[in-house]
Amino acid sequence: MKAEEIRGLADDELVSRIRELEEERFRLRFRSGTEALEEPLRLRSIRRDIARLKTVQRERQLVGRGR
């Protein structure tokens, strides 16, 4: 996901997307312990997408406080 796409999401969409990606990351990490993953780099991209989403979420929190 691009940062521009993320900034276009509403707050509730942002939270639900974070939750979905964290669940997917959990499932992939669990599966990687028992078998080889088809796309091992998917874990990296999920982790980075979560970081981007949380960064935008934090920016919105700071703007809401008036900083």
PDB file of N, CA and C in Angstrom:
ATOM      1  N   MET A   1       0.839  -1.190   0.000  1.00  0.00           N
ATOM      2  CA  MET A   1       0.000   0.000   0.000  1.00  0.00           C
ATOM      3  C   MET A   1       0.876   1.241   0.000  1.00  0.00           C
ATOM      4  N   LYS A   2       0.449   2.206  -0.728  1.00  0.00           N
ATOM      5  CA  LYS A   2       1.143   3.485  -0.777  1.00  0.00           C
ATOM      6  C   LYS A   2       0.600   4.391   0.323  1.00  0.00           C
ATOM      7  N   ALA A   3       1.413   5.333   0.760  1.00  0.00           N
ATOM      8  CA  ALA A   3       1.000   6.255   1.817  1.00  0.00           C
ATOM      9  C   ALA A   3      -0.188   7.098   1.360  1.00  0.00           C
ATOM     10  N   GLU A   4      -0.233   7.433   0.099  1.00  0.00           N
ATOM     11  CA  GLU A   4      -1.353   8.231  -0.421  1.00  0.00           C
ATOM     12  C   GLU A   4      -2.660   7.453  -0.325  1.00  0.00           C
ATOM     13  N   GLU A   5      -2.609   6.148  -0.618  1.00  0.00           N
ATOM     14  CA  GLU A   5      -3.802   5.308  -0.506  1.00  0.00           C
ATOM     15  C   GLU A   5      -4.263   5.229   0.946  1.00  0.00           C
ATOM     16  N   ILE A   6      -3.301   5.115   1.837  1.00  0.00           N
ATOM     17  CA  ILE A   6      -3.621   4.991   3.262  1.00  0.00           C
ATOM     18  C   ILE A   6      -4.264   6.267   3.781  1.00  0.00           C
ATOM     19  N   ARG A   7      -3.742   7.410   3.362  1.00  0.00           N
ATOM     20  CA  ARG A   7      -4.296   8.680   3.836  1.00  0.00           C
ATOM     21  C   ARG A   7      -5.724   8.900   3.333  1.00  0.00           C
ATOM     22  N   GLY A   8      -6.100   8.214   2.265  1.00  0.00           N
ATOM     23  CA  GLY A   8      -7.453   8.316   1.738  1.00  0.00           C
ATOM     24  C   GLY A   8      -8.474   7.495   2.510  1.00  0.00           C
ATOM     25  N   LEU A   9      -8.009   6.636   3.407  1.00  0.00           N
ATOM     26  CA  LEU A   9      -8.916   5.787   4.182  1.00  0.00           C
ATOM     27  C   LEU A   9      -9.513   6.552   5.364  1.00  0.00           C
ATOM     28  N   ALA A  10     -10.712   6.181   5.738  1.00  0.00           N
ATOM     29  CA  ALA A  10     -11.335   6.746   6.937  1.00  0.00           C
ATOM     30  C   ALA A  10     -10.698   6.088   8.164  1.00  0.00           C
ATOM     31  N   ASP A  11     -10.911   6.691   9.333  1.00  0.00           N
ATOM     32  CA  ASP A  11     -10.306   6.181  10.561  1.00  0.00           C
ATOM     33  C   ASP A  11     -10.718   4.746  10.861  1.00  0.00           C
ATOM     34  N   ASP A  12     -12.006   4.427  10.710  1.00  0.00           N
ATOM     35  CA  ASP A  12     -12.453   3.070  11.000  1.00  0.00           C
ATOM     36  C   ASP A  12     -11.908   2.068   9.985  1.00  0.00           C
ATOM     37  N   GLU A  13     -11.745   2.485   8.735  1.00  0.00           N
ATOM     38  CA  GLU A  13     -11.149   1.615   7.723  1.00  0.00           C
ATOM     39  C   GLU A  13      -9.683   1.352   8.047  1.00  0.00           C
ATOM     40  N   LEU A  14      -9.021   2.373   8.567  1.00  0.00           N
ATOM     41  CA  LEU A  14      -7.620   2.265   8.956  1.00  0.00           C
ATOM     42  C   LEU A  14      -7.459   1.212  10.053  1.00  0.00           C
ATOM     43  N   VAL A  15      -8.300   1.288  11.053  1.00  0.00           N
ATOM     44  CA  VAL A  15      -8.236   0.345  12.170  1.00  0.00           C
ATOM     45  C   VAL A  15      -8.540  -1.072  11.701  1.00  0.00           C
ATOM     46  N   SER A  16      -9.543  -1.234  10.866  1.00  0.00           N
ATOM     47  CA  SER A  16      -9.894  -2.575  10.398  1.00  0.00           C
ATOM     48  C   SER A  16      -8.795  -3.146   9.505  1.00  0.00           C
ATOM     49  N   ARG A  17      -8.163  -2.314   8.712  1.00  0.00           N
ATOM     50  CA  ARG A  17      -7.075  -2.782   7.847  1.00  0.00           C
ATOM     51  C   ARG A  17      -5.873  -3.217   8.678  1.00  0.00           C
ATOM     52  N   ILE A  18      -5.561  -2.479   9.740  1.00  0.00           N
ATOM     53  CA  ILE A  18      -4.474  -2.869  10.642  1.00  0.00           C
ATOM     54  C   ILE A  18      -4.784  -4.232  11.260  1.00  0.00           C
ATOM     55  N   ARG A  19      -6.014  -4.388  11.713  1.00  0.00           N
ATOM     56  CA  ARG A  19      -6.417  -5.646  12.346  1.00  0.00           C
ATOM     57  C   ARG A  19      -6.302  -6.816  11.364  1.00  0.00           C
ATOM     58  N   GLU A  20      -6.742  -6.610  10.124  1.00  0.00           N
ATOM     59  CA  GLU A  20      -6.659  -7.667   9.102  1.00  0.00           C
ATOM     60  C   GLU A  20      -5.210  -8.064   8.830  1.00  0.00           C
ATOM     61  N   LEU A  21      -4.350  -7.065   8.677  1.00  0.00           N
ATOM     62  CA  LEU A  21      -2.951  -7.356   8.364  1.00  0.00           C
ATOM     63  C   LEU A  21      -2.242  -8.025   9.529  1.00  0.00           C
ATOM     64  N   GLU A  22      -2.551  -7.616  10.762  1.00  0.00           N
ATOM     65  CA  GLU A  22      -1.932  -8.259  11.913  1.00  0.00           C
ATOM     66  C   GLU A  22      -2.373  -9.711  12.030  1.00  0.00           C
ATOM     67  N   GLU A  23      -3.626  -9.983  11.705  1.00  0.00           N
ATOM     68  CA  GLU A  23      -4.105 -11.363  11.727  1.00  0.00           C
ATOM     69  C   GLU A  23      -3.411 -12.189  10.646  1.00  0.00           C
ATOM     70  N   GLU A  24      -3.269 -11.607   9.460  1.00  0.00           N
ATOM     71  CA  GLU A  24      -2.588 -12.314   8.378  1.00  0.00           C
ATOM     72  C   GLU A  24      -1.127 -12.564   8.731  1.00  0.00           C
ATOM     73  N   ARG A  25      -0.476 -11.578   9.343  1.00  0.00           N
ATOM     74  CA  ARG A  25       0.919 -11.732   9.765  1.00  0.00           C
ATOM     75  C   ARG A  25       1.047 -12.856  10.790  1.00  0.00           C
ATOM     76  N   PHE A  26       0.100 -12.914  11.724  1.00  0.00           N
ATOM     77  CA  PHE A  26       0.124 -13.979  12.729  1.00  0.00           C
ATOM     78  C   PHE A  26       0.024 -15.350  12.069  1.00  0.00           C
ATOM     79  N   ARG A  27      -0.944 -15.494  11.138  1.00  0.00           N
ATOM     80  CA  ARG A  27      -1.133 -16.780  10.469  1.00  0.00           C
ATOM     81  C   ARG A  27       0.105 -17.181   9.674  1.00  0.00           C
ATOM     82  N   LEU A  28       0.728 -16.224   8.980  1.00  0.00           N
ATOM     83  CA  LEU A  28       1.918 -16.526   8.194  1.00  0.00           C
ATOM     84  C   LEU A  28       3.104 -16.893   9.088  1.00  0.00           C
ATOM     85  N   ARG A  29       3.269 -16.187  10.190  1.00  0.00           N
ATOM     86  CA  ARG A  29       4.373 -16.496  11.099  1.00  0.00           C
ATOM     87  C   ARG A  29       4.183 -17.873  11.710  1.00  0.00           C
ATOM     88  N   PHE A  30       2.946 -18.205  12.050  1.00  0.00           N
ATOM     89  CA  PHE A  30       2.652 -19.512  12.623  1.00  0.00           C
ATOM     90  C   PHE A  30       2.950 -20.608  11.600  1.00  0.00           C
ATOM     91  N   ARG A  31       2.518 -20.402  10.365  1.00  0.00           N
ATOM     92  CA  ARG A  31       2.720 -21.385   9.311  1.00  0.00           C
ATOM     93  C   ARG A  31       4.197 -21.504   8.948  1.00  0.00           C
ATOM     94  N   SER A  32       4.947 -20.398   9.037  1.00  0.00           N
ATOM     95  CA  SER A  32       6.365 -20.445   8.676  1.00  0.00           C
ATOM     96  C   SER A  32       7.159 -21.304   9.654  1.00  0.00           C
ATOM     97  N   GLY A  33       6.633 -21.495  10.851  1.00  0.00           N
ATOM     98  CA  GLY A  33       7.309 -22.350  11.812  1.00  0.00           C
ATOM     99  C   GLY A  33       7.159 -23.820  11.504  1.00  0.00           C
ATOM    100  N   THR A  34       6.146 -24.176  10.759  1.00  0.00           N
ATOM    101  CA  THR A  34       5.894 -25.584  10.476  1.00  0.00           C
ATOM    102  C   THR A  34       6.192 -25.983   9.034  1.00  0.00           C
ATOM    103  N   GLU A  35       6.188 -25.027   8.117  1.00  0.00           N
ATOM    104  CA  GLU A  35       6.436 -25.350   6.710  1.00  0.00           C
ATOM    105  C   GLU A  35       7.031 -24.140   6.002  1.00  0.00           C
ATOM    106  N   ALA A  36       7.568 -24.383   4.834  1.00  0.00           N
ATOM    107  CA  ALA A  36       8.130 -23.286   4.042  1.00  0.00           C
ATOM    108  C   ALA A  36       6.999 -22.493   3.393  1.00  0.00           C
ATOM    109  N   LEU A  37       7.149 -21.179   3.419  1.00  0.00           N
ATOM    110  CA  LEU A  37       6.134 -20.314   2.830  1.00  0.00           C
ATOM    111  C   LEU A  37       6.345 -20.186   1.331  1.00  0.00           C
ATOM    112  N   GLU A  38       5.235 -20.031   0.606  1.00  0.00           N
ATOM    113  CA  GLU A  38       5.330 -19.814  -0.839  1.00  0.00           C
ATOM    114  C   GLU A  38       5.935 -18.453  -1.134  1.00  0.00           C
ATOM    115  N   GLU A  39       5.516 -17.450  -0.361  1.00  0.00           N
ATOM    116  CA  GLU A  39       6.011 -16.084  -0.529  1.00  0.00           C
ATOM    117  C   GLU A  39       6.611 -15.596   0.789  1.00  0.00           C
ATOM    118  N   PRO A  40       7.857 -15.905   1.064  1.00  0.00           N
ATOM    119  CA  PRO A  40       8.436 -15.482   2.337  1.00  0.00           C
ATOM    120  C   PRO A  40       8.564 -13.957   2.472  1.00  0.00           C
ATOM    121  N   LEU A  41       8.653 -13.249   1.367  1.00  0.00           N
ATOM    122  CA  LEU A  41       8.764 -11.791   1.439  1.00  0.00           C
ATOM    123  C   LEU A  41       7.434 -11.125   1.769  1.00  0.00           C
ATOM    124  N   ARG A  42       6.350 -11.888   1.748  1.00  0.00           N
ATOM    125  CA  ARG A  42       5.035 -11.342   2.100  1.00  0.00           C
ATOM    126  C   ARG A  42       5.033 -10.877   3.557  1.00  0.00           C
ATOM    127  N   LEU A  43       5.764 -11.579   4.419  1.00  0.00           N
ATOM    128  CA  LEU A  43       5.856 -11.155   5.826  1.00  0.00           C
ATOM    129  C   LEU A  43       6.453  -9.753   5.934  1.00  0.00           C
ATOM    130  N   ARG A  44       7.478  -9.488   5.150  1.00  0.00           N
ATOM    131  CA  ARG A  44       8.118  -8.177   5.187  1.00  0.00           C
ATOM    132  C   ARG A  44       7.164  -7.088   4.705  1.00  0.00           C
ATOM    133  N   SER A  45       6.457  -7.359   3.615  1.00  0.00           N
ATOM    134  CA  SER A  45       5.551  -6.338   3.076  1.00  0.00           C
ATOM    135  C   SER A  45       4.383  -6.092   4.024  1.00  0.00           C
ATOM    136  N   ILE A  46       3.892  -7.137   4.684  1.00  0.00           N
ATOM    137  CA  ILE A  46       2.812  -6.953   5.658  1.00  0.00           C
ATOM    138  C   ILE A  46       3.295  -6.108   6.820  1.00  0.00           C
ATOM    139  N   ARG A  47       4.489  -6.407   7.324  1.00  0.00           N
ATOM    140  CA  ARG A  47       5.042  -5.649   8.448  1.00  0.00           C
ATOM    141  C   ARG A  47       5.189  -4.176   8.092  1.00  0.00           C
ATOM    142  N   ARG A  48       5.651  -3.909   6.895  1.00  0.00           N
ATOM    143  CA  ARG A  48       5.835  -2.514   6.476  1.00  0.00           C
ATOM    144  C   ARG A  48       4.501  -1.809   6.247  1.00  0.00           C
ATOM    145  N   ASP A  49       3.511  -2.529   5.721  1.00  0.00           N
ATOM    146  CA  ASP A  49       2.182  -1.937   5.547  1.00  0.00           C
ATOM    147  C   ASP A  49       1.573  -1.578   6.900  1.00  0.00           C
ATOM    148  N   ILE A  50       1.741  -2.460   7.878  1.00  0.00           N
ATOM    149  CA  ILE A  50       1.226  -2.181   9.219  1.00  0.00           C
ATOM    150  C   ILE A  50       1.903  -0.930   9.777  1.00  0.00           C
ATOM    151  N   ALA A  51       3.201  -0.817   9.579  1.00  0.00           N
ATOM    152  CA  ALA A  51       3.928   0.362  10.060  1.00  0.00           C
ATOM    153  C   ALA A  51       3.421   1.630   9.387  1.00  0.00           C
ATOM    154  N   ARG A  52       3.168   1.580   8.092  1.00  0.00           N
ATOM    155  CA  ARG A  52       2.642   2.751   7.389  1.00  0.00           C
ATOM    156  C   ARG A  52       1.270   3.143   7.922  1.00  0.00           C
ATOM    157  N   LEU A  53       0.420   2.137   8.113  1.00  0.00           N
ATOM    158  CA  LEU A  53      -0.926   2.405   8.619  1.00  0.00           C
ATOM    159  C   LEU A  53      -0.873   3.029  10.014  1.00  0.00           C
ATOM    160  N   LYS A  54      -0.019   2.483  10.865  1.00  0.00           N
ATOM    161  CA  LYS A  54       0.089   3.016  12.223  1.00  0.00           C
ATOM    162  C   LYS A  54       0.695   4.418  12.234  1.00  0.00           C
ATOM    163  N   THR A  55       1.579   4.694  11.291  1.00  0.00           N
ATOM    164  CA  THR A  55       2.164   6.033  11.194  1.00  0.00           C
ATOM    165  C   THR A  55       1.090   7.055  10.840  1.00  0.00           C
ATOM    166  N   VAL A  56       0.259   6.741   9.869  1.00  0.00           N
ATOM    167  CA  VAL A  56      -0.820   7.653   9.477  1.00  0.00           C
ATOM    168  C   VAL A  56      -1.812   7.806  10.623  1.00  0.00           C
ATOM    169  N   GLN A  57      -2.096   6.701  11.314  1.00  0.00           N
ATOM    170  CA  GLN A  57      -3.013   6.752  12.453  1.00  0.00           C
ATOM    171  C   GLN A  57      -2.452   7.689  13.534  1.00  0.00           C
ATOM    172  N   ARG A  58      -1.170   7.593  13.805  1.00  0.00           N
ATOM    173  CA  ARG A  58      -0.533   8.446  14.816  1.00  0.00           C
ATOM    174  C   ARG A  58      -0.521   9.911  14.364  1.00  0.00           C
ATOM    175  N   GLU A  59      -0.270  10.155  13.090  1.00  0.00           N
ATOM    176  CA  GLU A  59      -0.305  11.527  12.578  1.00  0.00           C
ATOM    177  C   GLU A  59      -1.673  12.149  12.813  1.00  0.00           C
ATOM    178  N   ARG A  60      -2.719  11.373  12.563  1.00  0.00           N
ATOM    179  CA  ARG A  60      -4.080  11.880  12.771  1.00  0.00           C
ATOM    180  C   ARG A  60      -4.358  12.160  14.237  1.00  0.00           C
ATOM    181  N   GLN A  61      -3.819  11.326  15.127  1.00  0.00           N
ATOM    182  CA  GLN A  61      -4.012  11.558  16.562  1.00  0.00           C
ATOM    183  C   GLN A  61      -3.328  12.861  16.981  1.00  0.00           C
ATOM    184  N   LEU A  62      -2.137  13.101  16.471  1.00  0.00           N
ATOM    185  CA  LEU A  62      -1.407  14.308  16.833  1.00  0.00           C
ATOM    186  C   LEU A  62      -2.079  15.553  16.264  1.00  0.00           C
ATOM    187  N   VAL A  63      -2.609  15.478  15.064  1.00  0.00           N
ATOM    188  CA  VAL A  63      -3.305  16.616  14.466  1.00  0.00           C
ATOM    189  C   VAL A  63      -4.579  16.901  15.244  1.00  0.00           C
ATOM    190  N   GLY A  64      -5.246  15.842  15.712  1.00  0.00           N
ATOM    191  CA  GLY A  64      -6.476  16.006  16.473  1.00  0.00           C
ATOM    192  C   GLY A  64      -6.256  16.698  17.805  1.00  0.00           C
ATOM    193  N   ARG A  65      -5.060  16.580  18.347  1.00  0.00           N
ATOM    194  CA  ARG A  65      -4.735  17.232  19.620  1.00  0.00           C
ATOM    195  C   ARG A  65      -4.356  18.695  19.445  1.00  0.00           C
ATOM    196  N   GLY A  66      -4.123  19.075  18.208  1.00  0.00           N
ATOM    197  CA  GLY A  66      -3.782  20.478  17.944  1.00  0.00           C
ATOM    198  C   GLY A  66      -2.290  20.733  17.906  1.00  0.00           C
ATOM    199  N   ARG A  67      -1.505  19.709  17.714  1.00  0.00           N
ATOM    200  CA  ARG A  67      -0.050  19.910  17.655  1.00  0.00           C
ATOM    201  C   ARG A  67       0.366  20.297  16.279  1.00  0.00           C
TER     202      ARG A  67
END
